[in-house]
Amino acid sequence: MRIRIEKCPGGVAVVVPAAVAARAGLYDGDSADLEVTGGRLIVRPAGSATLAELLAGITPLNLHGEWAAGPPAGAELL
C-alpha cells in the first residue's frame, strides 16, 4: 500500500488507513512507540505506562505544590 507523507507543524504526518490501524491495534487517542530500525519506521501500540515511567516524567518544572479542596460540601466521609 502506498500512502502520502504530509507536512504538519513540527514534522510530517502519515495517515494510516482505519483498517490498517485496527489490524495493528492502533486507535484514536492511544499512545504509540515509534522507532527507526534498518531504515524502516516502526509504530507499535504503547500500552499503558508503568508507575515507574509516570514517575520518571516528574520534573521540578511540572511538579506542583499541595492544594486544598476546602471543607466538606456534602455528605463526604472523612
Protein backbone atom coordinates (compact mmCIF):
# COMPACT_ATOMS: atom_id res chain seq x y z
CA MET A 1 0.00 0.00 0.00
CA ARG A 2 1.40 3.38 -0.96
CA ILE A 3 0.47 6.42 1.11
CA ARG A 4 1.40 10.09 1.11
CA ILE A 5 3.53 11.93 3.65
CA GLU A 6 2.09 15.31 4.59
CA LYS A 7 3.68 18.33 6.24
CA CYS A 8 2.34 19.30 9.66
CA PRO A 9 3.53 21.67 12.41
CA GLY A 10 6.73 20.27 13.89
CA GLY A 11 7.31 17.49 11.35
CA VAL A 12 5.46 15.29 8.91
CA ALA A 13 2.36 13.13 9.23
CA VAL A 14 1.48 9.69 7.95
CA VAL A 15 -2.23 8.92 7.69
CA VAL A 16 -2.78 5.26 8.50
CA PRO A 17 -5.97 3.91 6.90
CA ALA A 18 -8.54 2.84 9.52
CA ALA A 19 -8.46 -0.84 8.51
CA VAL A 20 -4.65 -0.98 8.76
CA ALA A 21 -4.65 0.86 12.10
CA ALA A 22 -7.21 -1.57 13.53
CA ARG A 23 -5.16 -4.58 12.39
CA ALA A 24 -2.11 -3.06 14.13
CA GLY A 25 -4.03 -2.29 17.32
CA LEU A 26 -3.72 1.48 16.89
CA TYR A 27 -6.74 3.55 17.97
CA ASP A 28 -7.53 7.26 18.09
CA GLY A 29 -6.15 8.87 21.24
CA ASP A 30 -3.84 5.99 22.16
CA SER A 31 -0.10 6.40 22.62
CA ALA A 32 2.34 4.64 20.32
CA ASP A 33 6.04 3.84 20.34
CA LEU A 34 7.98 5.00 17.27
CA GLU A 35 11.43 3.84 16.20
CA VAL A 36 13.62 3.59 13.13
CA THR A 37 15.34 0.24 12.61
CA GLY A 38 17.30 -0.61 9.48
CA GLY A 39 15.84 2.37 7.63
CA ARG A 40 12.27 1.29 8.47
CA LEU A 41 9.81 3.30 10.51
CA ILE A 42 8.12 1.08 13.10
CA VAL A 43 4.99 2.14 15.00
CA ARG A 44 3.67 -0.02 17.86
CA PRO A 45 0.83 0.48 20.33
CA ALA A 46 2.45 1.70 23.55
CA GLY A 47 0.02 0.17 26.02
CA SER A 48 -0.37 1.58 29.48
CA ALA A 49 2.51 3.41 31.12
CA THR A 50 4.00 1.80 34.20
CA LEU A 51 4.14 3.63 37.50
CA ALA A 52 7.93 3.90 37.11
CA GLU A 53 7.51 5.53 33.66
CA LEU A 54 4.96 8.00 35.02
CA LEU A 55 7.16 8.90 37.99
CA ALA A 56 10.19 9.31 35.71
CA GLY A 57 8.25 12.04 33.89
CA ILE A 58 8.05 14.22 37.02
CA THR A 59 10.44 17.16 36.91
CA PRO A 60 10.84 20.29 39.04
CA LEU A 61 9.15 22.20 36.19
CA ASN A 62 5.95 20.13 36.17
CA LEU A 63 5.71 19.31 39.90
CA HIS A 64 3.03 21.36 41.62
CA GLY A 65 2.65 22.09 45.32
CA GLU A 66 -0.03 20.86 47.64
CA TRP A 67 -3.55 22.21 47.31
CA ALA A 68 -6.64 22.09 49.48
CA ALA A 69 -10.08 21.26 48.17
CA GLY A 70 -11.74 23.16 51.01
CA PRO A 71 -14.12 21.96 53.71
CA PRO A 72 -16.66 19.18 53.08
CA ALA A 73 -19.51 20.43 50.92
CA GLY A 74 -21.90 17.48 51.14
CA ALA A 75 -22.04 14.01 52.63
CA GLU A 76 -18.37 13.11 52.13
CA LEU A 77 -16.90 10.57 54.52
CA LEU A 78 -13.73 11.86 56.12
